[in-house]
N, C-alpha and C. Protein backbone atom coordinates (compact mmCIF):
# COMPACT_ATOMS: atom_id res chain seq x y z
N UNK A 1 301.57 109.84 -84.38
CA UNK A 1 302.49 109.45 -83.31
C UNK A 1 301.89 109.82 -81.96
N UNK A 2 302.46 109.24 -80.94
CA UNK A 2 301.96 109.49 -79.59
C UNK A 2 303.01 110.23 -78.79
N UNK A 3 302.66 110.62 -77.59
CA UNK A 3 303.62 111.30 -76.73
C UNK A 3 304.76 110.37 -76.33
N UNK A 4 304.57 109.06 -76.48
CA UNK A 4 305.60 108.09 -76.12
C UNK A 4 306.50 107.75 -77.31
N UNK A 5 306.33 108.43 -78.43
CA UNK A 5 307.04 108.00 -79.63
C UNK A 5 308.40 108.65 -79.77
N UNK A 6 309.30 107.91 -80.39
CA UNK A 6 310.58 108.41 -80.84
C UNK A 6 310.32 108.77 -82.29
N UNK A 7 311.04 109.70 -82.84
CA UNK A 7 310.79 110.13 -84.21
C UNK A 7 310.61 108.94 -85.15
N UNK A 8 309.47 108.90 -85.82
CA UNK A 8 309.20 107.84 -86.78
C UNK A 8 308.78 106.52 -86.18
N UNK A 9 308.68 106.46 -84.85
CA UNK A 9 308.30 105.21 -84.19
C UNK A 9 307.04 105.39 -83.35
N UNK A 10 306.30 104.31 -83.23
CA UNK A 10 305.09 104.28 -82.41
C UNK A 10 305.14 102.98 -81.59
N UNK A 11 304.24 102.86 -80.65
CA UNK A 11 304.16 101.63 -79.86
C UNK A 11 303.38 100.57 -80.65
N UNK A 12 303.66 99.32 -80.37
CA UNK A 12 302.93 98.22 -81.01
C UNK A 12 301.43 98.45 -80.90
N UNK A 13 300.96 98.88 -79.71
CA UNK A 13 299.53 99.08 -79.50
C UNK A 13 298.94 100.24 -80.31
N UNK A 14 299.77 101.06 -80.92
CA UNK A 14 299.26 102.14 -81.78
C UNK A 14 298.91 101.61 -83.17
N UNK A 15 299.53 100.49 -83.57
CA UNK A 15 299.30 99.90 -84.89
C UNK A 15 298.42 98.66 -84.80
N UNK A 16 298.52 97.94 -83.67
CA UNK A 16 297.82 96.66 -83.50
C UNK A 16 297.04 96.62 -82.19
N UNK A 17 295.91 95.90 -82.22
CA UNK A 17 295.24 95.52 -80.97
C UNK A 17 295.97 94.28 -80.48
N UNK A 18 296.49 94.31 -79.27
CA UNK A 18 297.22 93.18 -78.71
C UNK A 18 296.23 92.33 -77.92
N UNK A 19 296.07 91.09 -78.35
CA UNK A 19 295.12 90.17 -77.69
C UNK A 19 295.85 88.90 -77.30
N UNK A 20 295.30 88.21 -76.30
CA UNK A 20 295.91 86.96 -75.86
C UNK A 20 295.20 85.79 -76.49
N UNK A 21 295.97 84.76 -76.81
CA UNK A 21 295.44 83.58 -77.48
C UNK A 21 294.63 82.69 -76.56
N UNK A 22 294.37 81.47 -77.05
CA UNK A 22 293.52 80.51 -76.34
C UNK A 22 294.19 79.87 -75.13
N UNK A 23 295.51 79.82 -75.09
CA UNK A 23 296.27 79.12 -74.02
C UNK A 23 295.92 77.64 -73.93
N UNK A 24 295.77 77.00 -75.09
CA UNK A 24 295.46 75.57 -75.14
C UNK A 24 296.72 74.75 -74.96
N UNK A 25 296.54 73.51 -74.48
CA UNK A 25 297.66 72.58 -74.36
C UNK A 25 297.52 71.54 -75.46
N UNK A 26 298.54 71.48 -76.31
CA UNK A 26 298.50 70.60 -77.48
C UNK A 26 298.26 69.14 -77.11
N UNK A 27 298.83 68.67 -75.99
CA UNK A 27 298.69 67.26 -75.63
C UNK A 27 297.26 66.89 -75.23
N UNK A 28 296.39 67.85 -75.08
CA UNK A 28 294.98 67.58 -74.75
C UNK A 28 294.07 67.67 -75.99
N UNK A 29 294.66 67.94 -77.15
CA UNK A 29 293.88 68.12 -78.37
C UNK A 29 294.04 66.92 -79.29
N UNK A 30 293.05 66.75 -80.16
CA UNK A 30 293.10 65.66 -81.13
C UNK A 30 293.83 66.13 -82.39
N UNK A 31 294.88 65.43 -82.75
CA UNK A 31 295.63 65.75 -83.97
C UNK A 31 294.78 65.39 -85.17
N UNK A 32 294.91 66.18 -86.23
CA UNK A 32 294.19 65.93 -87.47
C UNK A 32 295.06 66.46 -88.60
N UNK A 33 295.35 65.63 -89.61
CA UNK A 33 296.20 66.12 -90.70
C UNK A 33 295.60 67.36 -91.36
N UNK A 34 296.47 68.22 -91.86
CA UNK A 34 296.04 69.44 -92.54
C UNK A 34 295.08 69.12 -93.69
N UNK A 35 295.42 68.11 -94.48
CA UNK A 35 294.58 67.78 -95.64
C UNK A 35 293.26 67.12 -95.26
N UNK A 36 293.09 66.81 -93.97
CA UNK A 36 291.82 66.24 -93.50
C UNK A 36 291.02 67.30 -92.72
N UNK A 37 291.38 68.56 -92.90
CA UNK A 37 290.64 69.63 -92.24
C UNK A 37 291.24 70.09 -90.93
N UNK A 38 292.49 69.69 -90.68
CA UNK A 38 293.16 70.13 -89.45
C UNK A 38 293.37 71.63 -89.43
N UNK A 39 293.23 72.21 -88.25
CA UNK A 39 293.39 73.65 -88.06
C UNK A 39 294.78 73.87 -87.46
N UNK A 40 295.53 74.85 -87.99
CA UNK A 40 296.87 75.09 -87.44
C UNK A 40 296.81 75.37 -85.94
N UNK A 41 297.77 74.78 -85.21
CA UNK A 41 297.96 75.06 -83.79
C UNK A 41 299.27 75.84 -83.69
N UNK A 42 299.17 77.10 -83.34
CA UNK A 42 300.33 77.98 -83.28
C UNK A 42 300.82 78.06 -81.84
N UNK A 43 302.13 77.82 -81.68
CA UNK A 43 302.72 77.86 -80.34
C UNK A 43 303.96 78.74 -80.36
N UNK A 44 304.82 78.57 -79.37
CA UNK A 44 306.00 79.43 -79.24
C UNK A 44 307.21 78.91 -80.02
N UNK A 45 307.00 77.98 -80.94
CA UNK A 45 308.13 77.43 -81.71
C UNK A 45 308.65 78.45 -82.71
N UNK A 46 309.94 78.33 -83.03
CA UNK A 46 310.58 79.25 -83.98
C UNK A 46 310.25 78.89 -85.43
N UNK A 47 310.30 77.61 -85.77
CA UNK A 47 310.17 77.21 -87.16
C UNK A 47 308.72 77.06 -87.61
N UNK A 48 308.57 76.77 -88.89
CA UNK A 48 307.27 76.44 -89.49
C UNK A 48 306.20 77.51 -89.23
N UNK A 49 306.62 78.78 -89.23
CA UNK A 49 305.69 79.89 -89.04
C UNK A 49 304.96 79.83 -87.69
N UNK A 50 305.56 79.15 -86.73
CA UNK A 50 304.95 79.04 -85.41
C UNK A 50 303.94 77.90 -85.30
N UNK A 51 303.69 77.21 -86.41
CA UNK A 51 302.70 76.11 -86.40
C UNK A 51 303.39 74.83 -85.94
N UNK A 52 302.93 74.27 -84.81
CA UNK A 52 303.57 73.06 -84.29
C UNK A 52 302.77 71.81 -84.60
N UNK A 53 301.50 71.96 -85.01
CA UNK A 53 300.67 70.79 -85.34
C UNK A 53 299.39 71.28 -86.01
N UNK A 54 298.61 70.31 -86.45
CA UNK A 54 297.25 70.58 -86.96
C UNK A 54 296.30 69.77 -86.09
N UNK A 55 295.21 70.40 -85.68
CA UNK A 55 294.30 69.76 -84.73
C UNK A 55 292.87 69.79 -85.25
N UNK A 56 292.06 68.91 -84.67
CA UNK A 56 290.64 68.85 -85.02
C UNK A 56 289.93 70.10 -84.50
N UNK A 57 288.88 70.53 -85.18
CA UNK A 57 288.10 71.66 -84.67
C UNK A 57 287.62 71.36 -83.24
N UNK A 58 287.59 72.40 -82.41
CA UNK A 58 287.18 72.25 -81.02
C UNK A 58 285.76 72.79 -80.87
N UNK A 59 284.87 71.91 -80.43
CA UNK A 59 283.46 72.30 -80.29
C UNK A 59 283.34 73.46 -79.30
N UNK A 60 282.64 74.50 -79.73
CA UNK A 60 282.39 75.64 -78.86
C UNK A 60 283.53 76.64 -78.77
N UNK A 61 284.62 76.43 -79.53
CA UNK A 61 285.74 77.37 -79.50
C UNK A 61 286.14 77.70 -80.94
N UNK A 62 285.91 78.92 -81.32
CA UNK A 62 286.28 79.35 -82.67
C UNK A 62 287.77 79.62 -82.76
N UNK A 63 288.37 79.26 -83.90
CA UNK A 63 289.77 79.63 -84.10
C UNK A 63 289.91 81.16 -84.19
N UNK A 64 291.12 81.64 -83.97
CA UNK A 64 291.43 83.06 -84.16
C UNK A 64 291.45 83.30 -85.67
N UNK A 65 290.88 84.40 -86.12
CA UNK A 65 290.85 84.71 -87.55
C UNK A 65 292.26 84.90 -88.09
N UNK A 66 292.45 84.56 -89.37
CA UNK A 66 293.72 84.81 -90.04
C UNK A 66 293.89 86.30 -90.32
N UNK A 67 295.05 86.64 -90.89
CA UNK A 67 295.34 88.04 -91.18
C UNK A 67 295.91 88.79 -89.99
N UNK A 68 296.44 88.03 -89.01
CA UNK A 68 297.00 88.63 -87.79
C UNK A 68 298.44 88.14 -87.62
N UNK A 69 299.16 88.78 -86.72
CA UNK A 69 300.50 88.33 -86.36
C UNK A 69 300.42 87.54 -85.07
N UNK A 70 301.10 86.39 -85.02
CA UNK A 70 301.22 85.66 -83.76
C UNK A 70 302.57 86.05 -83.16
N UNK A 71 302.62 86.17 -81.84
CA UNK A 71 303.84 86.62 -81.19
C UNK A 71 304.04 85.85 -79.88
N UNK A 72 305.15 85.13 -79.79
CA UNK A 72 305.47 84.36 -78.58
C UNK A 72 305.86 85.32 -77.46
N UNK A 73 305.21 85.14 -76.31
CA UNK A 73 305.51 85.98 -75.14
C UNK A 73 306.53 85.32 -74.23
N UNK A 74 306.66 84.01 -74.34
CA UNK A 74 307.63 83.24 -73.56
C UNK A 74 308.30 82.25 -74.49
N UNK A 75 309.18 81.42 -73.97
CA UNK A 75 309.88 80.45 -74.81
C UNK A 75 310.77 81.17 -75.81
N UNK A 76 310.48 81.05 -77.09
CA UNK A 76 311.20 81.79 -78.14
C UNK A 76 310.58 83.20 -78.20
N UNK A 77 310.87 84.00 -77.20
CA UNK A 77 310.22 85.30 -77.03
C UNK A 77 310.32 86.14 -78.30
N UNK A 78 309.19 86.70 -78.68
CA UNK A 78 309.02 87.57 -79.84
C UNK A 78 309.21 86.87 -81.18
N UNK A 79 309.12 85.53 -81.20
CA UNK A 79 309.03 84.83 -82.48
C UNK A 79 307.68 85.26 -83.04
N UNK A 80 307.70 86.05 -84.11
CA UNK A 80 306.50 86.70 -84.63
C UNK A 80 306.28 86.29 -86.08
N UNK A 81 305.07 85.86 -86.39
CA UNK A 81 304.75 85.35 -87.73
C UNK A 81 303.40 85.84 -88.20
N UNK A 82 303.26 85.98 -89.51
CA UNK A 82 301.97 86.30 -90.12
C UNK A 82 301.17 85.00 -90.21
N UNK A 83 299.99 85.00 -89.62
CA UNK A 83 299.09 83.85 -89.71
C UNK A 83 297.99 84.20 -90.70
N UNK A 84 298.05 83.62 -91.88
CA UNK A 84 297.08 83.95 -92.91
C UNK A 84 295.77 83.18 -92.76
N UNK A 85 295.84 82.03 -92.07
CA UNK A 85 294.65 81.20 -91.91
C UNK A 85 294.20 81.19 -90.45
N UNK A 86 292.91 80.88 -90.21
CA UNK A 86 292.44 80.76 -88.82
C UNK A 86 293.25 79.70 -88.08
N UNK A 87 293.44 79.91 -86.77
CA UNK A 87 294.30 79.01 -85.98
C UNK A 87 293.89 79.00 -84.51
N UNK A 88 294.30 77.94 -83.83
CA UNK A 88 294.21 77.86 -82.38
C UNK A 88 295.59 78.20 -81.82
N UNK A 89 295.65 78.61 -80.58
CA UNK A 89 296.95 78.98 -80.04
C UNK A 89 297.23 78.33 -78.69
N UNK A 90 298.53 78.17 -78.45
CA UNK A 90 299.01 77.60 -77.20
C UNK A 90 299.25 78.67 -76.14
N UNK A 91 299.97 78.26 -75.09
CA UNK A 91 300.26 79.14 -73.96
C UNK A 91 301.23 80.25 -74.34
N UNK A 92 301.15 81.36 -73.59
CA UNK A 92 302.10 82.47 -73.72
C UNK A 92 302.23 82.97 -75.15
N UNK A 93 301.09 83.16 -75.80
CA UNK A 93 301.09 83.64 -77.17
C UNK A 93 300.08 84.77 -77.29
N UNK A 94 300.52 85.87 -77.89
CA UNK A 94 299.61 86.97 -78.19
C UNK A 94 299.37 86.97 -79.69
N UNK A 95 298.29 87.59 -80.09
CA UNK A 95 298.11 87.83 -81.52
C UNK A 95 297.78 89.31 -81.70
N UNK A 96 298.28 89.84 -82.80
CA UNK A 96 298.19 91.27 -83.06
C UNK A 96 297.27 91.51 -84.24
N UNK A 97 296.19 92.22 -83.99
CA UNK A 97 295.20 92.52 -85.02
C UNK A 97 295.46 93.94 -85.53
N UNK A 98 295.76 94.07 -86.83
CA UNK A 98 296.03 95.42 -87.35
C UNK A 98 294.83 96.35 -87.15
N UNK A 99 295.10 97.58 -86.70
CA UNK A 99 294.03 98.57 -86.50
C UNK A 99 293.60 99.20 -87.81
N UNK A 100 294.45 99.08 -88.85
CA UNK A 100 294.10 99.56 -90.18
C UNK A 100 294.56 98.53 -91.17
N UNK A 101 294.07 98.61 -92.39
CA UNK A 101 294.41 97.60 -93.38
C UNK A 101 295.87 97.73 -93.78
N UNK A 102 296.62 96.65 -93.61
CA UNK A 102 298.03 96.61 -93.96
C UNK A 102 298.24 95.55 -95.04
N UNK A 103 299.19 95.79 -95.93
CA UNK A 103 299.49 94.81 -96.97
C UNK A 103 300.26 93.65 -96.36
N UNK A 104 300.33 92.54 -97.09
CA UNK A 104 301.11 91.39 -96.63
C UNK A 104 302.56 91.80 -96.39
N UNK A 105 303.12 92.61 -97.29
CA UNK A 105 304.51 93.06 -97.13
C UNK A 105 304.68 93.88 -95.85
N UNK A 106 303.72 94.76 -95.57
CA UNK A 106 303.80 95.57 -94.35
C UNK A 106 303.72 94.69 -93.10
N UNK A 107 302.82 93.70 -93.13
CA UNK A 107 302.70 92.79 -91.99
C UNK A 107 303.99 92.00 -91.77
N UNK A 108 304.59 91.52 -92.85
CA UNK A 108 305.85 90.78 -92.73
C UNK A 108 306.97 91.68 -92.22
N UNK A 109 306.99 92.92 -92.65
CA UNK A 109 307.97 93.89 -92.18
C UNK A 109 307.82 94.10 -90.67
N UNK A 110 306.57 94.23 -90.21
CA UNK A 110 306.34 94.40 -88.78
C UNK A 110 306.75 93.14 -87.99
N UNK A 111 306.58 91.94 -88.57
CA UNK A 111 307.06 90.72 -87.91
C UNK A 111 308.55 90.87 -87.62
N UNK A 112 309.30 91.31 -88.62
CA UNK A 112 310.74 91.47 -88.47
C UNK A 112 311.07 92.55 -87.43
N UNK A 113 310.37 93.66 -87.47
CA UNK A 113 310.62 94.75 -86.52
C UNK A 113 310.39 94.31 -85.08
N UNK A 114 309.32 93.57 -84.85
CA UNK A 114 309.03 93.09 -83.49
C UNK A 114 310.09 92.09 -83.06
N UNK A 115 310.44 91.16 -83.97
CA UNK A 115 311.45 90.14 -83.67
C UNK A 115 312.80 90.77 -83.30
N UNK A 116 313.10 91.93 -83.87
CA UNK A 116 314.39 92.59 -83.60
C UNK A 116 314.53 93.03 -82.14
N UNK A 117 313.45 92.99 -81.38
CA UNK A 117 313.48 93.37 -79.95
C UNK A 117 313.77 92.19 -79.03
N UNK A 118 314.05 91.01 -79.61
CA UNK A 118 314.30 89.81 -78.81
C UNK A 118 315.36 90.02 -77.74
N UNK A 119 316.39 90.79 -78.06
CA UNK A 119 317.51 90.97 -77.12
C UNK A 119 317.06 91.55 -75.78
N UNK A 120 315.92 92.21 -75.76
CA UNK A 120 315.41 92.81 -74.53
C UNK A 120 314.88 91.75 -73.55
N UNK A 121 314.74 90.51 -74.01
CA UNK A 121 314.07 89.48 -73.20
C UNK A 121 314.96 88.28 -72.94
N UNK A 122 316.22 88.52 -72.67
CA UNK A 122 317.12 87.41 -72.33
C UNK A 122 316.90 87.01 -70.87
N UNK A 123 317.55 85.97 -70.45
CA UNK A 123 317.49 85.49 -69.07
C UNK A 123 316.08 85.14 -68.62
N UNK A 124 315.29 84.58 -69.51
CA UNK A 124 313.97 84.08 -69.14
C UNK A 124 312.89 85.14 -68.99
N UNK A 125 313.20 86.39 -69.31
CA UNK A 125 312.17 87.43 -69.21
C UNK A 125 311.13 87.21 -70.31
N UNK A 126 309.87 87.47 -69.97
CA UNK A 126 308.80 87.31 -70.94
C UNK A 126 308.29 88.68 -71.39
N UNK A 127 307.56 88.69 -72.49
CA UNK A 127 307.09 89.95 -73.07
C UNK A 127 305.63 90.25 -72.73
N UNK A 128 305.06 89.53 -71.76
CA UNK A 128 303.63 89.66 -71.46
C UNK A 128 303.16 91.10 -71.30
N UNK A 129 303.79 91.84 -70.40
CA UNK A 129 303.33 93.19 -70.09
C UNK A 129 303.91 94.26 -71.00
N UNK A 130 305.02 93.97 -71.64
CA UNK A 130 305.74 95.02 -72.37
C UNK A 130 305.56 94.99 -73.89
N UNK A 131 305.01 93.92 -74.44
CA UNK A 131 304.85 93.83 -75.90
C UNK A 131 304.14 95.05 -76.46
N UNK A 132 303.05 95.46 -75.83
CA UNK A 132 302.24 96.56 -76.35
C UNK A 132 303.00 97.88 -76.43
N UNK A 133 304.04 98.03 -75.62
CA UNK A 133 304.80 99.28 -75.56
C UNK A 133 306.11 99.27 -76.35
N UNK A 134 306.46 98.13 -76.99
CA UNK A 134 307.67 98.10 -77.80
C UNK A 134 307.52 99.11 -78.94
N UNK A 135 308.63 99.75 -79.30
CA UNK A 135 308.59 100.72 -80.39
C UNK A 135 308.85 100.04 -81.72
N UNK A 136 308.02 100.37 -82.70
CA UNK A 136 308.16 99.88 -84.07
C UNK A 136 307.99 101.08 -84.99
N UNK A 137 308.45 100.98 -86.24
CA UNK A 137 308.28 102.13 -87.15
C UNK A 137 306.80 102.47 -87.36
N UNK A 138 306.52 103.76 -87.40
CA UNK A 138 305.18 104.21 -87.77
C UNK A 138 304.94 103.78 -89.22
N UNK A 139 303.70 103.60 -89.60
CA UNK A 139 303.42 103.13 -90.96
C UNK A 139 304.06 104.02 -92.01
N UNK A 140 304.03 105.33 -91.80
CA UNK A 140 304.62 106.25 -92.77
C UNK A 140 306.15 106.19 -92.79
N UNK A 141 306.74 105.48 -91.82
CA UNK A 141 308.20 105.32 -91.77
C UNK A 141 308.66 103.99 -92.37
N UNK A 142 307.73 103.16 -92.85
CA UNK A 142 308.11 101.89 -93.48
C UNK A 142 308.87 102.23 -94.76
N UNK A 143 310.05 101.63 -94.97
CA UNK A 143 310.83 101.93 -96.18
C UNK A 143 310.06 101.63 -97.47
N UNK A 144 310.29 102.41 -98.49
CA UNK A 144 309.56 102.25 -99.75
C UNK A 144 309.82 100.88 -100.40
N UNK A 145 311.00 100.28 -100.16
CA UNK A 145 311.31 99.00 -100.79
C UNK A 145 310.40 97.88 -100.31
N UNK A 146 309.71 98.06 -99.17
CA UNK A 146 308.82 97.02 -98.65
C UNK A 146 307.65 96.80 -99.61
N UNK A 147 307.13 97.87 -100.17
CA UNK A 147 305.98 97.77 -101.09
C UNK A 147 306.40 97.05 -102.37
N UNK A 148 305.70 95.96 -102.68
CA UNK A 148 305.98 95.19 -103.90
C UNK A 148 307.15 94.23 -103.77
N UNK A 149 307.70 94.07 -102.56
CA UNK A 149 308.88 93.22 -102.40
C UNK A 149 308.60 91.75 -102.70
N UNK A 150 307.42 91.27 -102.37
CA UNK A 150 307.10 89.86 -102.62
C UNK A 150 307.09 89.59 -104.13
N UNK A 151 306.45 90.45 -104.91
CA UNK A 151 306.40 90.20 -106.35
C UNK A 151 307.79 90.33 -106.99
N UNK A 152 308.65 91.21 -106.46
CA UNK A 152 310.03 91.32 -106.99
C UNK A 152 310.79 90.02 -106.74
N UNK A 153 310.63 89.44 -105.56
CA UNK A 153 311.32 88.19 -105.24
C UNK A 153 310.80 87.07 -106.15
N UNK A 154 309.51 87.00 -106.32
CA UNK A 154 308.90 85.96 -107.19
C UNK A 154 309.42 86.12 -108.62
N UNK A 155 309.44 87.35 -109.13
CA UNK A 155 309.96 87.60 -110.48
C UNK A 155 311.41 87.14 -110.62
N UNK A 156 312.24 87.42 -109.60
CA UNK A 156 313.64 87.01 -109.63
C UNK A 156 313.75 85.48 -109.63
N UNK A 157 312.93 84.82 -108.82
CA UNK A 157 312.97 83.35 -108.77
C UNK A 157 312.55 82.74 -110.11
N UNK A 158 311.53 83.31 -110.73
CA UNK A 158 311.08 82.81 -112.04
C UNK A 158 312.18 83.01 -113.07
N UNK A 159 312.81 84.18 -113.08
CA UNK A 159 313.90 84.47 -114.01
C UNK A 159 315.05 83.50 -113.80
N UNK A 160 315.40 83.24 -112.54
CA UNK A 160 316.51 82.33 -112.25
C UNK A 160 316.18 80.90 -112.69
N UNK A 161 314.93 80.51 -112.56
CA UNK A 161 314.52 79.16 -112.94
C UNK A 161 314.59 78.95 -114.46
N UNK A 162 314.41 80.04 -115.20
CA UNK A 162 314.41 79.94 -116.67
C UNK A 162 315.77 80.27 -117.27
N UNK A 163 316.74 80.59 -116.42
CA UNK A 163 318.07 80.97 -116.93
C UNK A 163 318.90 79.75 -117.28
């Protein structure tokens, strides 16, 4: 924990490197279907894991690596999603690179924790300067039920399908 921490909580920047995305404009990019090699374009949208389209690879610009969280700084502020695949990003979007290896369940838990701070950004306020300082649970404070939660849900769905 840091001197800025509340018991069991740390700042986003203590768990993640906060980086800014490409700030690309979708209307200037070439659309390409996912099954034809399109790369996800992540923007500030709420639905579809933040993916608003699939675009052709951009010469000279590498996509952001997968395994990070995307986080809207404006628009749907703090709409936060796990991006498992490489992607390009739109305006007002940060991506969070874990400073240590986190499980998929831990990453999804942190998406929810960050999203829970949305109320702080009403009336058009953006999260540009303050995202890094938002308080989230320290890794050792993540509830035990988070570990293995995905496989428990899958097992329940399989059981229900065979019932």
